[in-house]
Amino acid sequence: MFYLLFGTGVRLQEVCDLNKSDIFSDRIIVTGKGLKKREIYPPPEAIESYLLYPERMDCEYLFNSKSGKMSYNYFRKRCSPVAMKTEVRFNPHMARHIYATALFRKGMSVFTF
């Protein structure tokens, strides 16, 4: 989950909404705001791990909690203790900023991403 957030710049809600059927051998289909669909391209090894991971679950979602689909609040609640222990200030939206900054530093136009 962290890899998708930091490695692709997707929103946390988009990750929470991922179904097993959204994962393909070369891409992941993400449903964003306004129900717009777009493709993201994590490295092949990441996709392979996501393709294997859901086989162990009975839930239709890629990431879930004990009660079913993982929610935005559940994720934040689970991350808070980790962030406090490591003294790293983190919220899920920061991952988007970190990703965008990395692309900008590599020379990509802000209008492209």
PDB file of N, CA and C in Angstrom:
ATOM      1  N   MET A   1       0.820  -1.181   0.000  1.00  0.00           N
ATOM      2  CA  MET A   1       0.000   0.000   0.000  1.00  0.00           C
ATOM      3  C   MET A   1       0.874   1.258   0.000  1.00  0.00           C
ATOM      4  N   PHE A   2       1.899   1.275   0.844  1.00  0.00           N
ATOM      5  CA  PHE A   2       2.801   2.422   0.877  1.00  0.00           C
ATOM      6  C   PHE A   2       3.518   2.576  -0.457  1.00  0.00           C
ATOM      7  N   TYR A   3       3.852   1.449  -1.077  1.00  0.00           N
ATOM      8  CA  TYR A   3       4.539   1.530  -2.362  1.00  0.00           C
ATOM      9  C   TYR A   3       3.655   2.242  -3.381  1.00  0.00           C
ATOM     10  N   LEU A   4       2.388   1.894  -3.425  1.00  0.00           N
ATOM     11  CA  LEU A   4       1.492   2.547  -4.377  1.00  0.00           C
ATOM     12  C   LEU A   4       1.363   4.037  -4.082  1.00  0.00           C
ATOM     13  N   LEU A   5       1.256   4.380  -2.813  1.00  0.00           N
ATOM     14  CA  LEU A   5       1.127   5.792  -2.448  1.00  0.00           C
ATOM     15  C   LEU A   5       2.365   6.593  -2.849  1.00  0.00           C
ATOM     16  N   PHE A   6       3.534   6.119  -2.457  1.00  0.00           N
ATOM     17  CA  PHE A   6       4.771   6.867  -2.713  1.00  0.00           C
ATOM     18  C   PHE A   6       5.321   6.646  -4.121  1.00  0.00           C
ATOM     19  N   GLY A   7       5.089   5.471  -4.681  1.00  0.00           N
ATOM     20  CA  GLY A   7       5.680   5.136  -5.974  1.00  0.00           C
ATOM     21  C   GLY A   7       4.862   5.516  -7.184  1.00  0.00           C
ATOM     22  N   THR A   8       3.587   5.881  -6.973  1.00  0.00           N
ATOM     23  CA  THR A   8       2.750   6.237  -8.120  1.00  0.00           C
ATOM     24  C   THR A   8       1.992   7.538  -7.922  1.00  0.00           C
ATOM     25  N   GLY A   9       1.928   8.038  -6.695  1.00  0.00           N
ATOM     26  CA  GLY A   9       1.235   9.293  -6.441  1.00  0.00           C
ATOM     27  C   GLY A   9      -0.276   9.192  -6.393  1.00  0.00           C
ATOM     28  N   VAL A  10      -0.814   7.987  -6.294  1.00  0.00           N
ATOM     29  CA  VAL A  10      -2.273   7.848  -6.228  1.00  0.00           C
ATOM     30  C   VAL A  10      -2.797   8.342  -4.881  1.00  0.00           C
ATOM     31  N   ARG A  11      -4.069   8.674  -4.853  1.00  0.00           N
ATOM     32  CA  ARG A  11      -4.711   9.096  -3.608  1.00  0.00           C
ATOM     33  C   ARG A  11      -4.989   7.873  -2.740  1.00  0.00           C
ATOM     34  N   LEU A  12      -5.018   8.074  -1.434  1.00  0.00           N
ATOM     35  CA  LEU A  12      -5.308   6.976  -0.518  1.00  0.00           C
ATOM     36  C   LEU A  12      -6.661   6.348  -0.822  1.00  0.00           C
ATOM     37  N   GLN A  13      -7.664   7.160  -1.084  1.00  0.00           N
ATOM     38  CA  GLN A  13      -8.991   6.602  -1.370  1.00  0.00           C
ATOM     39  C   GLN A  13      -8.959   5.735  -2.623  1.00  0.00           C
ATOM     40  N   GLU A  14      -8.150   6.115  -3.606  1.00  0.00           N
ATOM     41  CA  GLU A  14      -8.019   5.315  -4.825  1.00  0.00           C
ATOM     42  C   GLU A  14      -7.416   3.952  -4.512  1.00  0.00           C
ATOM     43  N   VAL A  15      -6.454   3.916  -3.607  1.00  0.00           N
ATOM     44  CA  VAL A  15      -5.844   2.644  -3.204  1.00  0.00           C
ATOM     45  C   VAL A  15      -6.859   1.804  -2.426  1.00  0.00           C
ATOM     46  N   CYS A  16      -7.599   2.432  -1.529  1.00  0.00           N
ATOM     47  CA  CYS A  16      -8.607   1.711  -0.740  1.00  0.00           C
ATOM     48  C   CYS A  16      -9.687   1.109  -1.635  1.00  0.00           C
ATOM     49  N   ASP A  17      -9.989   1.766  -2.746  1.00  0.00           N
ATOM     50  CA  ASP A  17     -11.047   1.311  -3.655  1.00  0.00           C
ATOM     51  C   ASP A  17     -10.589   0.247  -4.653  1.00  0.00           C
ATOM     52  N   LEU A  18      -9.299  -0.094  -4.676  1.00  0.00           N
ATOM     53  CA  LEU A  18      -8.807  -1.062  -5.661  1.00  0.00           C
ATOM     54  C   LEU A  18      -9.417  -2.446  -5.458  1.00  0.00           C
ATOM     55  N   ASN A  19      -9.950  -2.994  -6.541  1.00  0.00           N
ATOM     56  CA  ASN A  19     -10.446  -4.369  -6.550  1.00  0.00           C
ATOM     57  C   ASN A  19      -9.373  -5.279  -7.134  1.00  0.00           C
ATOM     58  N   LYS A  20      -9.498  -6.558  -6.865  1.00  0.00           N
ATOM     59  CA  LYS A  20      -8.572  -7.521  -7.475  1.00  0.00           C
ATOM     60  C   LYS A  20      -8.635  -7.429  -8.996  1.00  0.00           C
ATOM     61  N   SER A  21      -9.831  -7.146  -9.528  1.00  0.00           N
ATOM     62  CA  SER A  21     -10.014  -7.089 -10.980  1.00  0.00           C
ATOM     63  C   SER A  21      -9.357  -5.863 -11.620  1.00  0.00           C
ATOM     64  N   ASP A  22      -8.865  -4.936 -10.815  1.00  0.00           N
ATOM     65  CA  ASP A  22      -8.182  -3.742 -11.333  1.00  0.00           C
ATOM     66  C   ASP A  22      -6.701  -3.987 -11.612  1.00  0.00           C
ATOM     67  N   ILE A  23      -6.194  -5.150 -11.210  1.00  0.00           N
ATOM     68  CA  ILE A  23      -4.769  -5.462 -11.339  1.00  0.00           C
ATOM     69  C   ILE A  23      -4.545  -6.304 -12.592  1.00  0.00           C
ATOM     70  N   PHE A  24      -3.678  -5.827 -13.467  1.00  0.00           N
ATOM     71  CA  PHE A  24      -3.318  -6.544 -14.686  1.00  0.00           C
ATOM     72  C   PHE A  24      -1.817  -6.806 -14.665  1.00  0.00           C
ATOM     73  N   SER A  25      -1.333  -7.587 -15.594  1.00  0.00           N
ATOM     74  CA  SER A  25       0.079  -7.965 -15.574  1.00  0.00           C
ATOM     75  C   SER A  25       1.023  -6.794 -15.832  1.00  0.00           C
ATOM     76  N   ASP A  26       0.539  -5.729 -16.444  1.00  0.00           N
ATOM     77  CA  ASP A  26       1.420  -4.601 -16.770  1.00  0.00           C
ATOM     78  C   ASP A  26       0.941  -3.255 -16.240  1.00  0.00           C
ATOM     79  N   ARG A  27      -0.224  -3.218 -15.601  1.00  0.00           N
ATOM     80  CA  ARG A  27      -0.774  -1.945 -15.134  1.00  0.00           C
ATOM     81  C   ARG A  27      -1.849  -2.170 -14.079  1.00  0.00           C
ATOM     82  N   ILE A  28      -2.237  -1.088 -13.444  1.00  0.00           N
ATOM     83  CA  ILE A  28      -3.336  -1.103 -12.483  1.00  0.00           C
ATOM     84  C   ILE A  28      -4.304  -0.006 -12.904  1.00  0.00           C
ATOM     85  N   ILE A  29      -5.580  -0.328 -12.931  1.00  0.00           N
ATOM     86  CA  ILE A  29      -6.610   0.652 -13.267  1.00  0.00           C
ATOM     87  C   ILE A  29      -7.118   1.263 -11.970  1.00  0.00           C
ATOM     88  N   VAL A  30      -6.998   2.577 -11.859  1.00  0.00           N
ATOM     89  CA  VAL A  30      -7.394   3.301 -10.655  1.00  0.00           C
ATOM     90  C   VAL A  30      -8.626   4.139 -10.980  1.00  0.00           C
ATOM     91  N   THR A  31      -9.595   4.131 -10.074  1.00  0.00           N
ATOM     92  CA  THR A  31     -10.773   4.979 -10.228  1.00  0.00           C
ATOM     93  C   THR A  31     -10.596   6.188  -9.328  1.00  0.00           C
ATOM     94  N   GLY A  32     -10.496   7.356  -9.946  1.00  0.00           N
ATOM     95  CA  GLY A  32     -10.238   8.580  -9.201  1.00  0.00           C
ATOM     96  C   GLY A  32     -11.488   9.368  -8.902  1.00  0.00           C
ATOM     97  N   LYS A  33     -11.278  10.616  -8.553  1.00  0.00           N
ATOM     98  CA  LYS A  33     -12.396  11.515  -8.267  1.00  0.00           C
ATOM     99  C   LYS A  33     -13.290  11.619  -9.494  1.00  0.00           C
ATOM    100  N   GLY A  34     -14.587  11.714  -9.264  1.00  0.00           N
ATOM    101  CA  GLY A  34     -15.526  11.811 -10.374  1.00  0.00           C
ATOM    102  C   GLY A  34     -15.653  10.513 -11.144  1.00  0.00           C
ATOM    103  N   LEU A  35     -15.219   9.402 -10.529  1.00  0.00           N
ATOM    104  CA  LEU A  35     -15.252   8.062 -11.134  1.00  0.00           C
ATOM    105  C   LEU A  35     -14.455   7.982 -12.435  1.00  0.00           C
ATOM    106  N   LYS A  36     -13.460   8.869 -12.592  1.00  0.00           N
ATOM    107  CA  LYS A  36     -12.592   8.814 -13.769  1.00  0.00           C
ATOM    108  C   LYS A  36     -11.580   7.692 -13.584  1.00  0.00           C
ATOM    109  N   LYS A  37     -11.427   6.883 -14.614  1.00  0.00           N
ATOM    110  CA  LYS A  37     -10.468   5.780 -14.562  1.00  0.00           C
ATOM    111  C   LYS A  37      -9.181   6.197 -15.266  1.00  0.00           C
ATOM    112  N   ARG A  38      -8.053   5.750 -14.702  1.00  0.00           N
ATOM    113  CA  ARG A  38      -6.757   5.983 -15.335  1.00  0.00           C
ATOM    114  C   ARG A  38      -5.842   4.806 -15.012  1.00  0.00           C
ATOM    115  N   GLU A  39      -4.799   4.685 -15.794  1.00  0.00           N
ATOM    116  CA  GLU A  39      -3.857   3.586 -15.611  1.00  0.00           C
ATOM    117  C   GLU A  39      -2.603   4.088 -14.911  1.00  0.00           C
ATOM    118  N   ILE A  40      -2.084   3.267 -14.010  1.00  0.00           N
ATOM    119  CA  ILE A  40      -0.787   3.536 -13.393  1.00  0.00           C
ATOM    120  C   ILE A  40       0.109   2.344 -13.692  1.00  0.00           C
ATOM    121  N   TYR A  41       1.401   2.575 -13.701  1.00  0.00           N
ATOM    122  CA  TYR A  41       2.356   1.545 -14.117  1.00  0.00           C
ATOM    123  C   TYR A  41       3.455   1.323 -13.080  1.00  0.00           C
ATOM    124  N   PRO A  42       3.129   0.623 -12.002  1.00  0.00           N
ATOM    125  CA  PRO A  42       4.179   0.272 -11.034  1.00  0.00           C
ATOM    126  C   PRO A  42       5.150  -0.723 -11.675  1.00  0.00           C
ATOM    127  N   PRO A  43       6.339  -0.914 -11.090  1.00  0.00           N
ATOM    128  CA  PRO A  43       7.281  -1.905 -11.626  1.00  0.00           C
ATOM    129  C   PRO A  43       6.653  -3.305 -11.664  1.00  0.00           C
ATOM    130  N   PRO A  44       7.076  -4.128 -12.622  1.00  0.00           N
ATOM    131  CA  PRO A  44       6.510  -5.474 -12.770  1.00  0.00           C
ATOM    132  C   PRO A  44       6.539  -6.309 -11.490  1.00  0.00           C
ATOM    133  N   GLU A  45       7.624  -6.185 -10.691  1.00  0.00           N
ATOM    134  CA  GLU A  45       7.682  -7.006  -9.470  1.00  0.00           C
ATOM    135  C   GLU A  45       6.596  -6.608  -8.473  1.00  0.00           C
ATOM    136  N   ALA A  46       6.251  -5.335  -8.450  1.00  0.00           N
ATOM    137  CA  ALA A  46       5.181  -4.886  -7.549  1.00  0.00           C
ATOM    138  C   ALA A  46       3.843  -5.456  -8.006  1.00  0.00           C
ATOM    139  N   ILE A  47       3.605  -5.415  -9.311  1.00  0.00           N
ATOM    140  CA  ILE A  47       2.349  -5.952  -9.833  1.00  0.00           C
ATOM    141  C   ILE A  47       2.267  -7.448  -9.564  1.00  0.00           C
ATOM    142  N   GLU A  48       3.370  -8.164  -9.746  1.00  0.00           N
ATOM    143  CA  GLU A  48       3.380  -9.607  -9.463  1.00  0.00           C
ATOM    144  C   GLU A  48       2.983  -9.885  -8.025  1.00  0.00           C
ATOM    145  N   SER A  49       3.515  -9.105  -7.099  1.00  0.00           N
ATOM    146  CA  SER A  49       3.183  -9.336  -5.690  1.00  0.00           C
ATOM    147  C   SER A  49       1.713  -9.054  -5.424  1.00  0.00           C
ATOM    148  N   TYR A  50       1.145  -8.041  -6.091  1.00  0.00           N
ATOM    149  CA  TYR A  50      -0.276  -7.754  -5.909  1.00  0.00           C
ATOM    150  C   TYR A  50      -1.134  -8.847  -6.537  1.00  0.00           C
ATOM    151  N   LEU A  51      -0.672  -9.417  -7.648  1.00  0.00           N
ATOM    152  CA  LEU A  51      -1.428 -10.500  -8.281  1.00  0.00           C
ATOM    153  C   LEU A  51      -1.438 -11.753  -7.409  1.00  0.00           C
ATOM    154  N   LEU A  52      -0.355 -12.005  -6.675  1.00  0.00           N
ATOM    155  CA  LEU A  52      -0.287 -13.172  -5.793  1.00  0.00           C
ATOM    156  C   LEU A  52      -1.001 -12.932  -4.470  1.00  0.00           C
ATOM    157  N   TYR A  53      -0.905 -11.737  -3.954  1.00  0.00           N
ATOM    158  CA  TYR A  53      -1.450 -11.394  -2.638  1.00  0.00           C
ATOM    159  C   TYR A  53      -2.944 -11.676  -2.497  1.00  0.00           C
ATOM    160  N   PRO A  54      -3.799 -11.263  -3.439  1.00  0.00           N
ATOM    161  CA  PRO A  54      -5.232 -11.469  -3.247  1.00  0.00           C
ATOM    162  C   PRO A  54      -5.665 -12.925  -3.208  1.00  0.00           C
ATOM    163  N   GLU A  55      -4.850 -13.828  -3.706  1.00  0.00           N
ATOM    164  CA  GLU A  55      -5.225 -15.240  -3.691  1.00  0.00           C
ATOM    165  C   GLU A  55      -5.430 -15.753  -2.269  1.00  0.00           C
ATOM    166  N   ARG A  56      -4.823 -15.081  -1.295  1.00  0.00           N
ATOM    167  CA  ARG A  56      -4.934 -15.519   0.094  1.00  0.00           C
ATOM    168  C   ARG A  56      -6.131 -14.898   0.801  1.00  0.00           C
ATOM    169  N   MET A  57      -6.904 -14.074   0.093  1.00  0.00           N
ATOM    170  CA  MET A  57      -8.005 -13.362   0.731  1.00  0.00           C
ATOM    171  C   MET A  57      -9.341 -13.733   0.102  1.00  0.00           C
ATOM    172  N   ASP A  58     -10.386 -13.582   0.900  1.00  0.00           N
ATOM    173  CA  ASP A  58     -11.731 -13.830   0.408  1.00  0.00           C
ATOM    174  C   ASP A  58     -12.448 -12.538   0.031  1.00  0.00           C
ATOM    175  N   CYS A  59     -11.782 -11.428   0.149  1.00  0.00           N
ATOM    176  CA  CYS A  59     -12.383 -10.121  -0.114  1.00  0.00           C
ATOM    177  C   CYS A  59     -12.128  -9.713  -1.564  1.00  0.00           C
ATOM    178  N   GLU A  60     -13.066  -8.985  -2.149  1.00  0.00           N
ATOM    179  CA  GLU A  60     -12.895  -8.525  -3.532  1.00  0.00           C
ATOM    180  C   GLU A  60     -11.892  -7.380  -3.651  1.00  0.00           C
ATOM    181  N   TYR A  61     -11.619  -6.701  -2.533  1.00  0.00           N
ATOM    182  CA  TYR A  61     -10.709  -5.556  -2.554  1.00  0.00           C
ATOM    183  C   TYR A  61      -9.264  -6.004  -2.381  1.00  0.00           C
ATOM    184  N   LEU A  62      -8.354  -5.243  -2.946  1.00  0.00           N
ATOM    185  CA  LEU A  62      -6.937  -5.578  -2.842  1.00  0.00           C
ATOM    186  C   LEU A  62      -6.435  -5.410  -1.415  1.00  0.00           C
ATOM    187  N   PHE A  63      -6.842  -4.337  -0.760  1.00  0.00           N
ATOM    188  CA  PHE A  63      -6.458  -4.085   0.629  1.00  0.00           C
ATOM    189  C   PHE A  63      -7.721  -4.041   1.469  1.00  0.00           C
ATOM    190  N   ASN A  64      -7.708  -4.763   2.577  1.00  0.00           N
ATOM    191  CA  ASN A  64      -8.909  -4.792   3.399  1.00  0.00           C
ATOM    192  C   ASN A  64      -8.571  -4.783   4.876  1.00  0.00           C
ATOM    193  N   SER A  65      -9.607  -4.591   5.656  1.00  0.00           N
ATOM    194  CA  SER A  65      -9.492  -4.655   7.108  1.00  0.00           C
ATOM    195  C   SER A  65     -10.302  -5.864   7.567  1.00  0.00           C
ATOM    196  N   LYS A  66     -10.399  -6.061   8.846  1.00  0.00           N
ATOM    197  CA  LYS A  66     -11.156  -7.206   9.361  1.00  0.00           C
ATOM    198  C   LYS A  66     -12.622  -7.147   8.954  1.00  0.00           C
ATOM    199  N   SER A  67     -13.148  -5.942   8.798  1.00  0.00           N
ATOM    200  CA  SER A  67     -14.568  -5.791   8.471  1.00  0.00           C
ATOM    201  C   SER A  67     -14.840  -5.706   6.971  1.00  0.00           C
ATOM    202  N   GLY A  68     -13.820  -5.795   6.141  1.00  0.00           N
ATOM    203  CA  GLY A  68     -14.013  -5.723   4.690  1.00  0.00           C
ATOM    204  C   GLY A  68     -13.065  -4.730   4.056  1.00  0.00           C
ATOM    205  N   LYS A  69     -13.612  -3.874   3.213  1.00  0.00           N
ATOM    206  CA  LYS A  69     -12.811  -2.882   2.494  1.00  0.00           C
ATOM    207  C   LYS A  69     -12.103  -1.942   3.466  1.00  0.00           C
ATOM    208  N   MET A  70     -10.824  -1.703   3.205  1.00  0.00           N
ATOM    209  CA  MET A  70     -10.068  -0.778   4.045  1.00  0.00           C
ATOM    210  C   MET A  70     -10.556   0.645   3.783  1.00  0.00           C
ATOM    211  N   SER A  71     -10.780   1.372   4.845  1.00  0.00           N
ATOM    212  CA  SER A  71     -11.243   2.749   4.705  1.00  0.00           C
ATOM    213  C   SER A  71     -10.081   3.718   4.910  1.00  0.00           C
ATOM    214  N   TYR A  72     -10.300   4.934   4.485  1.00  0.00           N
ATOM    215  CA  TYR A  72      -9.330   6.013   4.656  1.00  0.00           C
ATOM    216  C   TYR A  72      -9.004   6.180   6.140  1.00  0.00           C
ATOM    217  N   ASN A  73     -10.042   6.220   6.976  1.00  0.00           N
ATOM    218  CA  ASN A  73      -9.843   6.423   8.416  1.00  0.00           C
ATOM    219  C   ASN A  73      -9.119   5.251   9.071  1.00  0.00           C
ATOM    220  N   TYR A  74      -9.413   4.034   8.638  1.00  0.00           N
ATOM    221  CA  TYR A  74      -8.742   2.851   9.183  1.00  0.00           C
ATOM    222  C   TYR A  74      -7.238   2.943   8.904  1.00  0.00           C
ATOM    223  N   PHE A  75      -6.889   3.302   7.681  1.00  0.00           N
ATOM    224  CA  PHE A  75      -5.479   3.423   7.312  1.00  0.00           C
ATOM    225  C   PHE A  75      -4.792   4.479   8.169  1.00  0.00           C
ATOM    226  N   ARG A  76      -5.415   5.637   8.295  1.00  0.00           N
ATOM    227  CA  ARG A  76      -4.821   6.715   9.094  1.00  0.00           C
ATOM    228  C   ARG A  76      -4.650   6.292  10.546  1.00  0.00           C
ATOM    229  N   LYS A  77      -5.649   5.591  11.080  1.00  0.00           N
ATOM    230  CA  LYS A  77      -5.578   5.138  12.470  1.00  0.00           C
ATOM    231  C   LYS A  77      -4.436   4.147  12.673  1.00  0.00           C
ATOM    232  N   ARG A  78      -4.218   3.278  11.705  1.00  0.00           N
ATOM    233  CA  ARG A  78      -3.150   2.281  11.793  1.00  0.00           C
ATOM    234  C   ARG A  78      -1.771   2.916  11.627  1.00  0.00           C
ATOM    235  N   CYS A  79      -1.673   3.987  10.869  1.00  0.00           N
ATOM    236  CA  CYS A  79      -0.379   4.639  10.620  1.00  0.00           C
ATOM    237  C   CYS A  79       0.043   5.573  11.736  1.00  0.00           C
ATOM    238  N   SER A  80      -0.897   6.142  12.453  1.00  0.00           N
ATOM    239  CA  SER A  80      -0.557   7.122  13.496  1.00  0.00           C
ATOM    240  C   SER A  80       0.422   6.588  14.532  1.00  0.00           C
ATOM    241  N   PRO A  81       0.196   5.395  15.108  1.00  0.00           N
ATOM    242  CA  PRO A  81       1.156   4.889  16.100  1.00  0.00           C
ATOM    243  C   PRO A  81       2.557   4.672  15.520  1.00  0.00           C
ATOM    244  N   VAL A  82       2.626   4.224  14.290  1.00  0.00           N
ATOM    245  CA  VAL A  82       3.926   3.999  13.640  1.00  0.00           C
ATOM    246  C   VAL A  82       4.641   5.331  13.460  1.00  0.00           C
ATOM    247  N   ALA A  83       3.913   6.327  12.994  1.00  0.00           N
ATOM    248  CA  ALA A  83       4.507   7.651  12.794  1.00  0.00           C
ATOM    249  C   ALA A  83       4.987   8.237  14.115  1.00  0.00           C
ATOM    250  N   MET A  84       4.234   8.036  15.176  1.00  0.00           N
ATOM    251  CA  MET A  84       4.630   8.567  16.483  1.00  0.00           C
ATOM    252  C   MET A  84       5.894   7.890  16.999  1.00  0.00           C
ATOM    253  N   LYS A  85       5.996   6.577  16.821  1.00  0.00           N
ATOM    254  CA  LYS A  85       7.176   5.840  17.284  1.00  0.00           C
ATOM    255  C   LYS A  85       8.431   6.261  16.525  1.00  0.00           C
ATOM    256  N   THR A  86       8.291   6.484  15.245  1.00  0.00           N
ATOM    257  CA  THR A  86       9.452   6.839  14.425  1.00  0.00           C
ATOM    258  C   THR A  86       9.696   8.338  14.385  1.00  0.00           C
ATOM    259  N   GLU A  87       8.785   9.086  14.964  1.00  0.00           N
ATOM    260  CA  GLU A  87       8.856  10.548  14.975  1.00  0.00           C
ATOM    261  C   GLU A  87       8.897  11.127  13.564  1.00  0.00           C
ATOM    262  N   VAL A  88       8.255  10.420  12.636  1.00  0.00           N
ATOM    263  CA  VAL A  88       8.155  10.891  11.265  1.00  0.00           C
ATOM    264  C   VAL A  88       6.748  11.440  11.068  1.00  0.00           C
ATOM    265  N   ARG A  89       6.658  12.691  10.703  1.00  0.00           N
ATOM    266  CA  ARG A  89       5.360  13.292  10.443  1.00  0.00           C
ATOM    267  C   ARG A  89       4.896  12.809   9.074  1.00  0.00           C
ATOM    268  N   PHE A  90       3.728  12.194   9.020  1.00  0.00           N
ATOM    269  CA  PHE A  90       3.246  11.628   7.766  1.00  0.00           C
ATOM    270  C   PHE A  90       1.731  11.676   7.705  1.00  0.00           C
ATOM    271  N   ASN A  91       1.226  12.023   6.544  1.00  0.00           N
ATOM    272  CA  ASN A  91      -0.177  11.791   6.239  1.00  0.00           C
ATOM    273  C   ASN A  91      -0.216  11.300   4.800  1.00  0.00           C
ATOM    274  N   PRO A  92      -1.243  10.558   4.422  1.00  0.00           N
ATOM    275  CA  PRO A  92      -1.259   9.932   3.099  1.00  0.00           C
ATOM    276  C   PRO A  92      -1.109  10.910   1.933  1.00  0.00           C
ATOM    277  N   HIS A  93      -1.627  12.120   2.084  1.00  0.00           N
ATOM    278  CA  HIS A  93      -1.544  13.069   0.972  1.00  0.00           C
ATOM    279  C   HIS A  93      -0.108  13.537   0.728  1.00  0.00           C
ATOM    280  N   MET A  94       0.722  13.467   1.751  1.00  0.00           N
ATOM    281  CA  MET A  94       2.127  13.847   1.584  1.00  0.00           C
ATOM    282  C   MET A  94       2.810  12.980   0.533  1.00  0.00           C
ATOM    283  N   ALA A  95       2.358  11.740   0.387  1.00  0.00           N
ATOM    284  CA  ALA A  95       2.944  10.842  -0.605  1.00  0.00           C
ATOM    285  C   ALA A  95       2.774  11.408  -2.012  1.00  0.00           C
ATOM    286  N   ARG A  96       1.628  12.034  -2.275  1.00  0.00           N
ATOM    287  CA  ARG A  96       1.396  12.656  -3.590  1.00  0.00           C
ATOM    288  C   ARG A  96       2.388  13.795  -3.831  1.00  0.00           C
ATOM    289  N   HIS A  97       2.613  14.585  -2.797  1.00  0.00           N
ATOM    290  CA  HIS A  97       3.551  15.705  -2.922  1.00  0.00           C
ATOM    291  C   HIS A  97       4.978  15.204  -3.144  1.00  0.00           C
ATOM    292  N   ILE A  98       5.356  14.167  -2.420  1.00  0.00           N
ATOM    293  CA  ILE A  98       6.702  13.596  -2.568  1.00  0.00           C
ATOM    294  C   ILE A  98       6.890  13.054  -3.981  1.00  0.00           C
ATOM    295  N   TYR A  99       5.880  12.347  -4.492  1.00  0.00           N
ATOM    296  CA  TYR A  99       5.934  11.793  -5.844  1.00  0.00           C
ATOM    297  C   TYR A  99       6.034  12.922  -6.882  1.00  0.00           C
ATOM    298  N   ALA A 100       5.188  13.942  -6.740  1.00  0.00           N
ATOM    299  CA  ALA A 100       5.197  15.064  -7.683  1.00  0.00           C
ATOM    300  C   ALA A 100       6.537  15.803  -7.649  1.00  0.00           C
ATOM    301  N   THR A 101       7.090  15.976  -6.466  1.00  0.00           N
ATOM    302  CA  THR A 101       8.387  16.643  -6.329  1.00  0.00           C
ATOM    303  C   THR A 101       9.481  15.840  -7.024  1.00  0.00           C
ATOM    304  N   ALA A 102       9.440  14.522  -6.872  1.00  0.00           N
ATOM    305  CA  ALA A 102      10.437  13.661  -7.524  1.00  0.00           C
ATOM    306  C   ALA A 102      10.343  13.780  -9.045  1.00  0.00           C
ATOM    307  N   LEU A 103       9.122  13.792  -9.586  1.00  0.00           N
ATOM    308  CA  LEU A 103       8.951  13.942 -11.036  1.00  0.00           C
ATOM    309  C   LEU A 103       9.456  15.304 -11.508  1.00  0.00           C
ATOM    310  N   PHE A 104       9.146  16.339 -10.744  1.00  0.00           N
ATOM    311  CA  PHE A 104       9.586  17.690 -11.097  1.00  0.00           C
ATOM    312  C   PHE A 104      11.111  17.780 -11.111  1.00  0.00           C
ATOM    313  N   ARG A 105      11.746  17.166 -10.120  1.00  0.00           N
ATOM    314  CA  ARG A 105      13.214  17.191 -10.045  1.00  0.00           C
ATOM    315  C   ARG A 105      13.866  16.422 -11.188  1.00  0.00           C
ATOM    316  N   LYS A 106      13.120  15.459 -11.743  1.00  0.00           N
ATOM    317  CA  LYS A 106      13.639  14.705 -12.889  1.00  0.00           C
ATOM    318  C   LYS A 106      13.384  15.440 -14.201  1.00  0.00           C
ATOM    319  N   GLY A 107      12.761  16.619 -14.104  1.00  0.00           N
ATOM    320  CA  GLY A 107      12.572  17.431 -15.296  1.00  0.00           C
ATOM    321  C   GLY A 107      11.193  17.379 -15.921  1.00  0.00           C
ATOM    322  N   MET A 108      10.243  16.702 -15.315  1.00  0.00           N
ATOM    323  CA  MET A 108       8.908  16.618 -15.884  1.00  0.00           C
ATOM    324  C   MET A 108       8.140  17.914 -15.610  1.00  0.00           C
ATOM    325  N   SER A 109       7.382  18.333 -16.578  1.00  0.00           N
ATOM    326  CA  SER A 109       6.577  19.543 -16.435  1.00  0.00           C
ATOM    327  C   SER A 109       5.440  19.305 -15.442  1.00  0.00           C
ATOM    328  N   VAL A 110       5.127  20.319 -14.650  1.00  0.00           N
ATOM    329  CA  VAL A 110       4.029  20.187 -13.685  1.00  0.00           C
ATOM    330  C   VAL A 110       2.694  20.004 -14.400  1.00  0.00           C
ATOM    331  N   PHE A 111       2.594  20.411 -15.649  1.00  0.00           N
ATOM    332  CA  PHE A 111       1.355  20.254 -16.403  1.00  0.00           C
ATOM    333  C   PHE A 111       1.180  18.831 -16.929  1.00  0.00           C
ATOM    334  N   THR A 112       2.253  18.048 -16.931  1.00  0.00           N
ATOM    335  CA  THR A 112       2.198  16.669 -17.411  1.00  0.00           C
ATOM    336  C   THR A 112       1.645  15.727 -16.361  1.00  0.00           C
ATOM    337  N   PHE A 113       2.072  15.908 -15.112  1.00  0.00           N
ATOM    338  CA  PHE A 113       1.585  15.010 -14.077  1.00  0.00           C
ATOM    339  C   PHE A 113       0.491  15.680 -13.306  1.00  0.00           C
TER     340      PHE A 113
END
